[in-house]
Amino acid sequence: MHELNKQNSLATLETIEEVISAFKSIDDLHRALALGYIQGIMAGHSVPSPPDKKLKKKEAG
């Protein structure tokens, strides 16, 4: 079972590397990630707050 998980992890990593290398530049990759993030927010999926906002709330409280 452990070997299967290891193979799946490697396959996933290779797929991620292929997707990243398909972008012409890192800016294109960042733009695509940002669009996905924004689409997730618009679709109503919960998106975690950046850590600095959480810290400010704790300090203010």
C-alpha atoms as a PDB file:
ATOM      1  CA  MET A   1       0.000   0.000   0.000  1.00  0.00           C
ATOM      2  CA  HIS A   2       2.826   2.380   0.894  1.00  0.00           C
ATOM      3  CA  GLU A   3       4.475   1.707  -2.476  1.00  0.00           C
ATOM      4  CA  LEU A   4       1.238   2.595  -4.284  1.00  0.00           C
ATOM      5  CA  ASN A   5       0.993   5.895  -2.396  1.00  0.00           C
ATOM      6  CA  LYS A   6       4.610   6.642  -3.284  1.00  0.00           C
ATOM      7  CA  GLN A   7       3.885   5.983  -6.982  1.00  0.00           C
ATOM      8  CA  ASN A   8       0.786   8.206  -6.848  1.00  0.00           C
ATOM      9  CA  SER A   9       2.786  10.993  -5.210  1.00  0.00           C
ATOM     10  CA  LEU A  10       5.478  10.784  -7.871  1.00  0.00           C
ATOM     11  CA  ALA A  11       2.882  10.772 -10.654  1.00  0.00           C
ATOM     12  CA  THR A  12       1.192  13.808  -9.104  1.00  0.00           C
ATOM     13  CA  LEU A  13       4.504  15.621  -8.786  1.00  0.00           C
ATOM     14  CA  GLU A  14       5.359  14.880 -12.437  1.00  0.00           C
ATOM     15  CA  THR A  15       1.929  16.163 -13.508  1.00  0.00           C
ATOM     16  CA  ILE A  16       2.398  19.361 -11.492  1.00  0.00           C
ATOM     17  CA  GLU A  17       5.825  19.882 -13.066  1.00  0.00           C
ATOM     18  CA  GLU A  18       4.334  19.372 -16.547  1.00  0.00           C
ATOM     19  CA  VAL A  19       1.585  21.903 -15.853  1.00  0.00           C
ATOM     20  CA  ILE A  20       4.048  24.460 -14.508  1.00  0.00           C
ATOM     21  CA  SER A  21       6.411  24.001 -17.455  1.00  0.00           C
ATOM     22  CA  ALA A  22       3.495  24.520 -19.883  1.00  0.00           C
ATOM     23  CA  PHE A  23       3.340  28.175 -18.858  1.00  0.00           C
ATOM     24  CA  LYS A  24       5.583  30.455 -20.900  1.00  0.00           C
ATOM     25  CA  SER A  25       6.706  32.449 -17.878  1.00  0.00           C
ATOM     26  CA  ILE A  26       6.336  32.527 -14.128  1.00  0.00           C
ATOM     27  CA  ASP A  27       4.099  35.597 -14.542  1.00  0.00           C
ATOM     28  CA  ASP A  28       1.656  33.542 -16.603  1.00  0.00           C
ATOM     29  CA  LEU A  29       1.651  30.885 -13.895  1.00  0.00           C
ATOM     30  CA  HIS A  30       1.034  33.486 -11.168  1.00  0.00           C
ATOM     31  CA  ARG A  31      -1.785  35.025 -13.214  1.00  0.00           C
ATOM     32  CA  ALA A  32      -3.443  31.624 -13.650  1.00  0.00           C
ATOM     33  CA  LEU A  33      -3.120  30.838  -9.938  1.00  0.00           C
ATOM     34  CA  ALA A  34      -4.577  34.228  -9.007  1.00  0.00           C
ATOM     35  CA  LEU A  35      -7.504  33.731 -11.387  1.00  0.00           C
ATOM     36  CA  GLY A  36      -8.193  30.317  -9.888  1.00  0.00           C
ATOM     37  CA  TYR A  37      -8.071  31.818  -6.394  1.00  0.00           C
ATOM     38  CA  ILE A  38     -10.503  34.594  -7.362  1.00  0.00           C
ATOM     39  CA  GLN A  39     -12.849  32.148  -9.118  1.00  0.00           C
ATOM     40  CA  GLY A  40     -12.892  30.042  -5.965  1.00  0.00           C
ATOM     41  CA  ILE A  41     -13.876  33.057  -3.882  1.00  0.00           C
ATOM     42  CA  MET A  42     -16.588  34.017  -6.381  1.00  0.00           C
ATOM     43  CA  ALA A  43     -17.906  30.443  -6.375  1.00  0.00           C
ATOM     44  CA  GLY A  44     -18.283  30.691  -2.602  1.00  0.00           C
ATOM     45  CA  HIS A  45     -15.565  28.248  -1.615  1.00  0.00           C
ATOM     46  CA  SER A  46     -13.986  29.073   1.704  1.00  0.00           C
ATOM     47  CA  VAL A  47     -10.555  30.546   1.238  1.00  0.00           C
ATOM     48  CA  PRO A  48      -8.204  30.866   4.210  1.00  0.00           C
ATOM     49  CA  SER A  49      -7.171  34.362   5.241  1.00  0.00           C
ATOM     50  CA  PRO A  50      -3.556  35.332   4.788  1.00  0.00           C
ATOM     51  CA  PRO A  51      -1.650  34.835   8.074  1.00  0.00           C
ATOM     52  CA  ASP A  52      -1.003  38.556   8.646  1.00  0.00           C
ATOM     53  CA  LYS A  53      -4.755  39.305   8.839  1.00  0.00           C
ATOM     54  CA  LYS A  54      -5.205  36.616  11.493  1.00  0.00           C
ATOM     55  CA  LEU A  55      -2.402  38.172  13.557  1.00  0.00           C
ATOM     56  CA  LYS A  56      -3.956  41.644  13.410  1.00  0.00           C
ATOM     57  CA  LYS A  57      -7.295  40.297  14.656  1.00  0.00           C
ATOM     58  CA  LYS A  58      -5.586  38.591  17.605  1.00  0.00           C
ATOM     59  CA  GLU A  59      -3.639  41.746  18.501  1.00  0.00           C
ATOM     60  CA  ALA A  60      -6.743  43.937  18.284  1.00  0.00           C
ATOM     61  CA  GLY A  61      -8.821  41.507  20.394  1.00  0.00           C
END
